[in-house]
Amino acid sequence: MKITILHKTASELLGCDWNKCNSACCRFPFGNLCMGSQKNNPCLYLTDLGCIFSMNSRPISCLLFPFVITKSNTLILHLNSCPNKNVSKMKSVFRGVFKADFICSLCYGGDNLPAIQTHIESLGLIFGYEQLLKSIPVLLIDKEDVTLTMKEEMFQRWQTER
């Protein structure tokens, strides 16, 4: 399956880093975006030690987060996960516990790298690292949208999960 990644989405600055966050986003409810999320509760698959799934076996929706794939097969940042675009709503969702503009910065300092770079590990699993790495200069330097092919095994998993 071919998925378009918009330059605007790829270059959005985020402070995310899965190696440092200890599943911070998974600790909050994100509705039907997460396989294990229940209404107003964190992910069911999250323990005090983090996710029960290895990175390779996580549901595709988890690997994609904070991105979603639209009906037109475009990868975008989900509004509920993008504090730059939705700070006031996110602060109310998280009951006003944030003192910074970037939710991510509270967990790991907010390096504010382009979204495509902060999520390279998970997106690489979905699209293949070689294909993804070749697209980064096009997205960030040439400022052009790209279309990538989702790995077949990931596409099959995604179809099953939806």
N, C-alpha and C. Protein backbone atom coordinates (compact mmCIF):
# COMPACT_ATOMS: atom_id res chain seq x y z
N MET A 1 0.84 -1.18 0.00
CA MET A 1 0.00 0.00 0.00
C MET A 1 0.88 1.24 0.00
N LYS A 2 0.53 2.17 -0.84
CA LYS A 2 1.29 3.41 -0.94
C LYS A 2 0.69 4.46 0.00
N ILE A 3 1.58 5.11 0.75
CA ILE A 3 1.19 6.13 1.72
C ILE A 3 1.96 7.41 1.40
N THR A 4 1.25 8.52 1.33
CA THR A 4 1.89 9.81 1.09
C THR A 4 2.27 10.43 2.43
N ILE A 5 3.51 10.88 2.51
CA ILE A 5 3.97 11.62 3.68
C ILE A 5 4.16 13.07 3.24
N LEU A 6 3.44 13.95 3.87
CA LEU A 6 3.52 15.37 3.53
C LEU A 6 4.77 15.99 4.12
N HIS A 7 5.39 16.87 3.35
CA HIS A 7 6.55 17.61 3.85
C HIS A 7 6.18 18.33 5.15
N LYS A 8 5.00 18.92 5.17
CA LYS A 8 4.56 19.67 6.36
C LYS A 8 4.51 18.77 7.59
N THR A 9 4.00 17.57 7.44
CA THR A 9 3.93 16.61 8.55
C THR A 9 5.33 16.17 8.97
N ALA A 10 6.15 15.82 8.00
CA ALA A 10 7.49 15.30 8.28
C ALA A 10 8.37 16.33 8.97
N SER A 11 8.17 17.60 8.65
CA SER A 11 9.05 18.65 9.18
C SER A 11 8.52 19.28 10.46
N GLU A 12 7.32 18.89 10.89
CA GLU A 12 6.75 19.43 12.14
C GLU A 12 7.70 19.12 13.29
N LEU A 13 8.02 20.11 14.10
CA LEU A 13 8.97 19.91 15.19
C LEU A 13 8.30 19.25 16.38
N LEU A 14 8.88 18.15 16.83
CA LEU A 14 8.39 17.42 17.99
C LEU A 14 9.54 17.15 18.93
N GLY A 15 9.24 17.00 20.19
CA GLY A 15 10.27 16.66 21.17
C GLY A 15 10.21 15.20 21.58
N CYS A 16 9.66 14.37 20.71
CA CYS A 16 9.47 12.95 21.07
C CYS A 16 10.75 12.15 20.93
N ASP A 17 10.89 11.15 21.77
CA ASP A 17 11.98 10.18 21.67
C ASP A 17 11.56 8.94 22.44
N TRP A 18 11.18 7.89 21.74
CA TRP A 18 10.69 6.68 22.40
C TRP A 18 11.71 6.08 23.34
N ASN A 19 12.98 6.35 23.09
CA ASN A 19 14.02 5.80 23.96
C ASN A 19 14.06 6.50 25.32
N LYS A 20 13.44 7.66 25.41
CA LYS A 20 13.47 8.43 26.65
C LYS A 20 12.11 8.61 27.30
N CYS A 21 11.02 8.36 26.57
CA CYS A 21 9.70 8.77 27.06
C CYS A 21 9.06 7.80 28.04
N ASN A 22 9.48 6.55 28.05
CA ASN A 22 8.86 5.55 28.91
C ASN A 22 7.35 5.47 28.66
N SER A 23 6.98 5.48 27.38
CA SER A 23 5.59 5.32 26.95
C SER A 23 4.66 6.40 27.50
N ALA A 24 5.12 7.62 27.55
CA ALA A 24 4.33 8.71 28.13
C ALA A 24 2.98 8.89 27.43
N CYS A 25 2.95 8.88 26.10
CA CYS A 25 1.68 9.05 25.39
C CYS A 25 0.72 7.91 25.69
N CYS A 26 1.25 6.72 25.85
CA CYS A 26 0.41 5.54 26.10
C CYS A 26 -0.23 5.59 27.48
N ARG A 27 0.27 6.43 28.34
CA ARG A 27 -0.28 6.53 29.70
C ARG A 27 -1.54 7.38 29.75
N PHE A 28 -1.90 7.98 28.62
CA PHE A 28 -3.08 8.83 28.55
C PHE A 28 -4.04 8.30 27.51
N PRO A 29 -5.33 8.56 27.66
CA PRO A 29 -6.33 8.05 26.72
C PRO A 29 -6.30 8.79 25.38
N PHE A 30 -6.26 8.05 24.30
CA PHE A 30 -6.34 8.64 22.97
C PHE A 30 -7.45 8.01 22.15
N GLY A 31 -8.50 7.57 22.82
CA GLY A 31 -9.67 7.04 22.12
C GLY A 31 -9.36 5.86 21.25
N ASN A 32 -9.92 5.87 20.04
CA ASN A 32 -9.78 4.71 19.17
C ASN A 32 -8.46 4.69 18.40
N LEU A 33 -7.55 5.61 18.67
CA LEU A 33 -6.25 5.58 17.99
C LEU A 33 -5.40 4.42 18.46
N CYS A 34 -5.53 4.05 19.70
CA CYS A 34 -4.68 3.02 20.26
C CYS A 34 -5.45 1.72 20.40
N MET A 35 -4.79 0.62 20.07
CA MET A 35 -5.42 -0.70 20.17
C MET A 35 -5.85 -0.99 21.60
N GLY A 36 -5.02 -0.62 22.56
CA GLY A 36 -5.31 -0.97 23.95
C GLY A 36 -6.01 0.10 24.74
N SER A 37 -6.29 1.22 24.11
CA SER A 37 -6.91 2.34 24.83
C SER A 37 -8.40 2.10 25.03
N GLN A 38 -8.86 2.43 26.20
CA GLN A 38 -10.28 2.39 26.49
C GLN A 38 -10.70 3.81 26.82
N LYS A 39 -11.98 4.07 26.74
CA LYS A 39 -12.48 5.42 26.99
C LYS A 39 -11.96 5.96 28.33
N ASN A 40 -11.25 7.09 28.25
CA ASN A 40 -10.73 7.79 29.43
C ASN A 40 -9.75 6.98 30.27
N ASN A 41 -9.10 5.99 29.68
CA ASN A 41 -8.11 5.18 30.40
C ASN A 41 -6.86 5.00 29.54
N PRO A 42 -5.73 4.80 30.17
CA PRO A 42 -4.51 4.55 29.40
C PRO A 42 -4.54 3.17 28.74
N CYS A 43 -3.55 2.91 27.96
CA CYS A 43 -3.44 1.66 27.21
C CYS A 43 -3.45 0.45 28.15
N LEU A 44 -4.21 -0.57 27.76
CA LEU A 44 -4.30 -1.81 28.55
C LEU A 44 -2.99 -2.61 28.53
N TYR A 45 -2.18 -2.39 27.51
CA TYR A 45 -0.96 -3.18 27.34
C TYR A 45 0.26 -2.53 27.97
N LEU A 46 0.05 -1.51 28.75
CA LEU A 46 1.14 -0.77 29.38
C LEU A 46 1.27 -1.18 30.84
N THR A 47 2.48 -1.52 31.23
CA THR A 47 2.77 -1.85 32.62
C THR A 47 3.70 -0.79 33.18
N ASP A 48 4.08 -0.93 34.43
CA ASP A 48 5.04 0.00 35.03
C ASP A 48 6.39 -0.06 34.32
N LEU A 49 6.66 -1.17 33.65
CA LEU A 49 7.92 -1.34 32.92
C LEU A 49 7.83 -0.90 31.46
N GLY A 50 6.65 -0.44 31.06
CA GLY A 50 6.45 -0.02 29.68
C GLY A 50 5.53 -0.96 28.94
N CYS A 51 5.58 -0.92 27.62
CA CYS A 51 4.71 -1.72 26.77
C CYS A 51 5.05 -3.21 26.89
N ILE A 52 4.01 -4.05 26.89
CA ILE A 52 4.26 -5.49 26.98
C ILE A 52 4.73 -6.07 25.65
N PHE A 53 4.54 -5.31 24.56
CA PHE A 53 4.96 -5.77 23.24
C PHE A 53 6.37 -5.28 22.92
N SER A 54 7.14 -6.11 22.22
CA SER A 54 8.42 -5.63 21.70
C SER A 54 8.12 -4.63 20.59
N MET A 55 9.09 -3.84 20.22
CA MET A 55 8.88 -2.84 19.18
C MET A 55 8.36 -3.49 17.90
N ASN A 56 8.90 -4.62 17.52
CA ASN A 56 8.50 -5.29 16.28
C ASN A 56 7.09 -5.85 16.32
N SER A 57 6.56 -6.12 17.49
CA SER A 57 5.24 -6.75 17.57
C SER A 57 4.13 -5.81 18.05
N ARG A 58 4.44 -4.54 18.19
CA ARG A 58 3.41 -3.58 18.61
C ARG A 58 2.36 -3.41 17.51
N PRO A 59 1.13 -3.13 17.91
CA PRO A 59 0.11 -2.84 16.90
C PRO A 59 0.55 -1.67 16.01
N ILE A 60 0.12 -1.69 14.76
CA ILE A 60 0.51 -0.65 13.81
C ILE A 60 0.07 0.73 14.28
N SER A 61 -1.10 0.82 14.89
CA SER A 61 -1.56 2.13 15.39
C SER A 61 -0.60 2.68 16.43
N CYS A 62 0.00 1.80 17.22
CA CYS A 62 0.98 2.24 18.22
C CYS A 62 2.28 2.68 17.56
N LEU A 63 2.72 1.92 16.55
CA LEU A 63 3.93 2.29 15.83
C LEU A 63 3.74 3.61 15.09
N LEU A 64 2.56 3.84 14.59
CA LEU A 64 2.28 5.08 13.86
C LEU A 64 2.20 6.30 14.77
N PHE A 65 1.72 6.12 15.99
CA PHE A 65 1.45 7.25 16.86
C PHE A 65 2.68 8.12 17.06
N PRO A 66 2.59 9.44 16.91
CA PRO A 66 1.43 10.31 16.90
C PRO A 66 0.84 10.57 15.51
N PHE A 67 1.19 9.72 14.55
CA PHE A 67 0.65 9.87 13.21
C PHE A 67 -0.57 8.97 13.04
N VAL A 68 -1.38 9.31 12.06
CA VAL A 68 -2.47 8.44 11.62
C VAL A 68 -2.45 8.46 10.10
N ILE A 69 -3.03 7.43 9.51
CA ILE A 69 -3.17 7.38 8.06
C ILE A 69 -4.62 7.70 7.74
N THR A 70 -4.81 8.72 6.90
CA THR A 70 -6.15 9.16 6.54
C THR A 70 -6.78 8.20 5.52
N LYS A 71 -8.06 8.43 5.23
CA LYS A 71 -8.75 7.62 4.22
C LYS A 71 -8.14 7.80 2.84
N SER A 72 -7.45 8.92 2.62
CA SER A 72 -6.79 9.15 1.34
C SER A 72 -5.34 8.65 1.35
N ASN A 73 -5.01 7.82 2.35
CA ASN A 73 -3.68 7.20 2.47
C ASN A 73 -2.57 8.23 2.62
N THR A 74 -2.81 9.21 3.46
CA THR A 74 -1.83 10.25 3.76
C THR A 74 -1.48 10.16 5.25
N LEU A 75 -0.20 10.19 5.54
CA LEU A 75 0.27 10.17 6.91
C LEU A 75 0.23 11.59 7.46
N ILE A 76 -0.50 11.80 8.55
CA ILE A 76 -0.60 13.13 9.16
C ILE A 76 -0.40 13.00 10.66
N LEU A 77 -0.14 14.11 11.31
CA LEU A 77 -0.12 14.15 12.76
C LEU A 77 -1.56 14.22 13.24
N HIS A 78 -1.89 13.41 14.22
CA HIS A 78 -3.24 13.44 14.76
C HIS A 78 -3.39 14.68 15.62
N LEU A 79 -4.52 15.38 15.51
CA LEU A 79 -4.72 16.62 16.26
C LEU A 79 -4.56 16.43 17.76
N ASN A 80 -5.05 15.33 18.30
CA ASN A 80 -4.95 15.13 19.75
C ASN A 80 -3.53 14.86 20.22
N SER A 81 -2.63 14.56 19.31
CA SER A 81 -1.27 14.26 19.72
C SER A 81 -0.30 15.37 19.41
N CYS A 82 -0.77 16.45 18.83
CA CYS A 82 0.12 17.51 18.40
C CYS A 82 -0.03 18.74 19.29
N PRO A 83 0.77 18.85 20.32
CA PRO A 83 0.63 19.97 21.25
C PRO A 83 0.87 21.34 20.61
N ASN A 84 1.67 21.40 19.56
CA ASN A 84 1.89 22.68 18.91
C ASN A 84 0.59 23.25 18.35
N LYS A 85 -0.26 22.40 17.85
CA LYS A 85 -1.49 22.83 17.20
C LYS A 85 -2.66 22.90 18.17
N ASN A 86 -2.55 22.24 19.30
CA ASN A 86 -3.73 22.03 20.11
C ASN A 86 -3.42 22.11 21.61
N VAL A 87 -2.57 23.02 21.99
CA VAL A 87 -2.09 23.08 23.37
C VAL A 87 -3.24 23.21 24.37
N SER A 88 -4.16 24.11 24.13
CA SER A 88 -5.22 24.32 25.13
C SER A 88 -6.10 23.09 25.28
N LYS A 89 -6.44 22.44 24.17
CA LYS A 89 -7.25 21.23 24.26
C LYS A 89 -6.48 20.13 24.97
N MET A 90 -5.20 19.97 24.62
CA MET A 90 -4.40 18.91 25.24
C MET A 90 -4.24 19.16 26.74
N LYS A 91 -4.05 20.42 27.11
CA LYS A 91 -3.91 20.71 28.54
C LYS A 91 -5.19 20.37 29.29
N SER A 92 -6.32 20.59 28.65
CA SER A 92 -7.57 20.23 29.33
C SER A 92 -7.74 18.71 29.39
N VAL A 93 -7.32 18.01 28.33
CA VAL A 93 -7.40 16.54 28.33
C VAL A 93 -6.53 15.98 29.45
N PHE A 94 -5.37 16.58 29.63
CA PHE A 94 -4.43 16.09 30.64
C PHE A 94 -4.58 16.83 31.97
N ARG A 95 -5.73 17.46 32.16
CA ARG A 95 -6.11 18.09 33.42
C ARG A 95 -5.14 19.16 33.91
N GLY A 96 -4.60 19.93 32.97
CA GLY A 96 -3.78 21.07 33.33
C GLY A 96 -2.46 20.75 34.01
N VAL A 97 -1.92 19.56 33.80
CA VAL A 97 -0.67 19.21 34.48
C VAL A 97 0.56 19.73 33.76
N PHE A 98 0.40 20.31 32.58
CA PHE A 98 1.56 20.74 31.81
C PHE A 98 1.89 22.20 32.04
N LYS A 99 3.17 22.48 32.12
CA LYS A 99 3.63 23.84 32.30
C LYS A 99 4.42 24.33 31.08
N ALA A 100 4.61 23.44 30.10
CA ALA A 100 5.36 23.78 28.90
C ALA A 100 4.44 23.73 27.69
N ASP A 101 4.84 24.39 26.61
CA ASP A 101 4.05 24.36 25.39
C ASP A 101 4.10 23.00 24.71
N PHE A 102 5.21 22.29 24.87
CA PHE A 102 5.35 20.98 24.26
C PHE A 102 5.12 19.92 25.31
N ILE A 103 4.10 19.11 25.12
CA ILE A 103 3.86 18.00 26.04
C ILE A 103 5.10 17.11 26.10
N CYS A 104 5.68 16.83 24.96
CA CYS A 104 6.83 15.93 24.88
C CYS A 104 8.02 16.44 25.70
N SER A 105 8.17 17.75 25.78
CA SER A 105 9.34 18.29 26.47
C SER A 105 9.36 17.93 27.94
N LEU A 106 8.19 17.62 28.51
CA LEU A 106 8.15 17.25 29.92
C LEU A 106 8.76 15.89 30.17
N CYS A 107 8.70 15.04 29.16
CA CYS A 107 9.23 13.68 29.31
C CYS A 107 10.71 13.58 28.97
N TYR A 108 11.13 14.33 27.98
CA TYR A 108 12.52 14.15 27.55
C TYR A 108 13.15 15.40 26.98
N GLY A 109 12.85 16.53 27.57
CA GLY A 109 13.60 17.74 27.26
C GLY A 109 13.23 18.46 25.99
N GLY A 110 12.43 17.86 25.13
CA GLY A 110 11.97 18.55 23.93
C GLY A 110 13.07 18.98 23.00
N ASP A 111 13.77 18.03 22.39
CA ASP A 111 14.83 18.37 21.43
C ASP A 111 14.28 19.06 20.19
N ASN A 112 12.98 18.90 19.96
CA ASN A 112 12.29 19.57 18.85
C ASN A 112 12.94 19.31 17.50
N LEU A 113 13.02 18.03 17.17
CA LEU A 113 13.51 17.60 15.87
C LEU A 113 12.31 17.38 14.94
N PRO A 114 12.54 17.35 13.62
CA PRO A 114 11.44 17.06 12.71
C PRO A 114 10.79 15.71 13.04
N ALA A 115 9.48 15.67 12.92
CA ALA A 115 8.72 14.47 13.28
C ALA A 115 9.23 13.21 12.59
N ILE A 116 9.64 13.33 11.35
CA ILE A 116 10.13 12.16 10.61
C ILE A 116 11.39 11.59 11.26
N GLN A 117 12.19 12.45 11.89
CA GLN A 117 13.40 11.99 12.57
C GLN A 117 13.11 11.44 13.96
N THR A 118 12.19 12.06 14.67
CA THR A 118 11.91 11.60 16.03
C THR A 118 11.23 10.24 16.03
N HIS A 119 10.59 9.87 14.94
CA HIS A 119 9.88 8.59 14.87
C HIS A 119 10.47 7.66 13.82
N ILE A 120 11.75 7.82 13.55
CA ILE A 120 12.39 7.03 12.50
C ILE A 120 12.39 5.53 12.81
N GLU A 121 12.51 5.19 14.08
CA GLU A 121 12.54 3.76 14.43
C GLU A 121 11.21 3.09 14.11
N SER A 122 10.12 3.67 14.54
CA SER A 122 8.81 3.05 14.30
C SER A 122 8.40 3.15 12.83
N LEU A 123 8.64 4.29 12.19
CA LEU A 123 8.28 4.43 10.78
C LEU A 123 9.16 3.54 9.91
N GLY A 124 10.40 3.32 10.33
CA GLY A 124 11.28 2.41 9.60
C GLY A 124 10.77 0.98 9.62
N LEU A 125 10.17 0.58 10.73
CA LEU A 125 9.58 -0.76 10.80
C LEU A 125 8.40 -0.88 9.84
N ILE A 126 7.65 0.18 9.69
CA ILE A 126 6.45 0.17 8.84
C ILE A 126 6.79 0.25 7.35
N PHE A 127 7.72 1.14 7.01
CA PHE A 127 8.03 1.38 5.60
C PHE A 127 9.35 0.78 5.13
N GLY A 128 10.16 0.32 6.05
CA GLY A 128 11.50 -0.15 5.70
C GLY A 128 12.47 1.01 5.85
N TYR A 129 13.58 0.74 6.50
CA TYR A 129 14.53 1.82 6.81
C TYR A 129 15.16 2.42 5.55
N GLU A 130 15.50 1.58 4.58
CA GLU A 130 16.16 2.10 3.38
C GLU A 130 15.26 3.09 2.66
N GLN A 131 14.02 2.71 2.44
CA GLN A 131 13.05 3.58 1.77
C GLN A 131 12.83 4.88 2.57
N LEU A 132 12.69 4.73 3.89
CA LEU A 132 12.44 5.90 4.73
C LEU A 132 13.64 6.85 4.73
N LEU A 133 14.83 6.30 4.89
CA LEU A 133 16.03 7.15 4.93
C LEU A 133 16.24 7.91 3.62
N LYS A 134 15.92 7.28 2.49
CA LYS A 134 16.04 7.97 1.20
C LYS A 134 15.04 9.12 1.09
N SER A 135 13.92 9.01 1.79
CA SER A 135 12.88 10.04 1.68
C SER A 135 13.16 11.28 2.53
N ILE A 136 13.98 11.14 3.57
CA ILE A 136 14.19 12.25 4.51
C ILE A 136 14.75 13.50 3.84
N PRO A 137 15.81 13.40 3.00
CA PRO A 137 16.28 14.63 2.34
C PRO A 137 15.22 15.27 1.43
N VAL A 138 14.41 14.45 0.79
CA VAL A 138 13.36 14.98 -0.08
C VAL A 138 12.33 15.74 0.75
N LEU A 139 11.96 15.17 1.88
CA LEU A 139 10.97 15.80 2.75
C LEU A 139 11.50 17.06 3.43
N LEU A 140 12.71 16.98 3.97
CA LEU A 140 13.22 18.07 4.80
C LEU A 140 14.06 19.10 4.06
N ILE A 141 14.78 18.69 3.03
CA ILE A 141 15.64 19.63 2.30
C ILE A 141 14.94 20.15 1.05
N ASP A 142 14.43 19.21 0.24
CA ASP A 142 13.72 19.61 -0.99
C ASP A 142 12.31 20.13 -0.69
N LYS A 143 11.82 19.82 0.51
CA LYS A 143 10.48 20.25 0.96
C LYS A 143 9.38 19.77 0.02
N GLU A 144 9.50 18.50 -0.35
CA GLU A 144 8.51 17.88 -1.21
C GLU A 144 7.84 16.72 -0.48
N ASP A 145 6.60 16.44 -0.84
CA ASP A 145 5.90 15.28 -0.31
C ASP A 145 6.48 14.03 -0.97
N VAL A 146 6.38 12.91 -0.29
CA VAL A 146 6.84 11.64 -0.86
C VAL A 146 5.76 10.59 -0.69
N THR A 147 5.82 9.57 -1.52
CA THR A 147 4.93 8.43 -1.39
C THR A 147 5.79 7.19 -1.15
N LEU A 148 5.52 6.53 -0.04
CA LEU A 148 6.27 5.33 0.34
C LEU A 148 5.33 4.13 0.32
N THR A 149 5.91 2.97 0.13
CA THR A 149 5.13 1.74 0.16
C THR A 149 5.29 1.09 1.52
N MET A 150 4.14 0.83 2.16
CA MET A 150 4.15 0.14 3.44
C MET A 150 4.61 -1.29 3.21
N LYS A 151 5.49 -1.79 4.07
CA LYS A 151 5.94 -3.17 3.95
C LYS A 151 4.72 -4.10 3.98
N GLU A 152 4.77 -5.14 3.16
CA GLU A 152 3.62 -6.03 3.01
C GLU A 152 3.15 -6.62 4.34
N GLU A 153 4.09 -7.10 5.15
CA GLU A 153 3.70 -7.68 6.44
C GLU A 153 3.04 -6.65 7.34
N MET A 154 3.49 -5.40 7.29
CA MET A 154 2.90 -4.34 8.09
C MET A 154 1.52 -3.97 7.55
N PHE A 155 1.38 -3.96 6.23
CA PHE A 155 0.08 -3.68 5.63
C PHE A 155 -0.93 -4.74 6.04
N GLN A 156 -0.52 -6.00 6.02
CA GLN A 156 -1.43 -7.08 6.43
C GLN A 156 -1.86 -6.93 7.88
N ARG A 157 -0.90 -6.61 8.74
CA ARG A 157 -1.22 -6.39 10.17
C ARG A 157 -2.17 -5.21 10.33
N TRP A 158 -1.90 -4.12 9.61
CA TRP A 158 -2.72 -2.92 9.69
C TRP A 158 -4.15 -3.22 9.26
N GLN A 159 -4.30 -3.99 8.17
CA GLN A 159 -5.63 -4.38 7.69
C GLN A 159 -6.38 -5.19 8.76
N THR A 160 -5.67 -6.08 9.42
CA THR A 160 -6.28 -6.92 10.45
C THR A 160 -6.71 -6.10 11.65
N GLU A 161 -5.92 -5.13 12.02
CA GLU A 161 -6.18 -4.31 13.22
C GLU A 161 -7.32 -3.31 13.02
N ARG A 162 -7.56 -2.89 11.80
CA ARG A 162 -8.57 -1.85 11.56
C ARG A 162 -9.96 -2.36 11.66
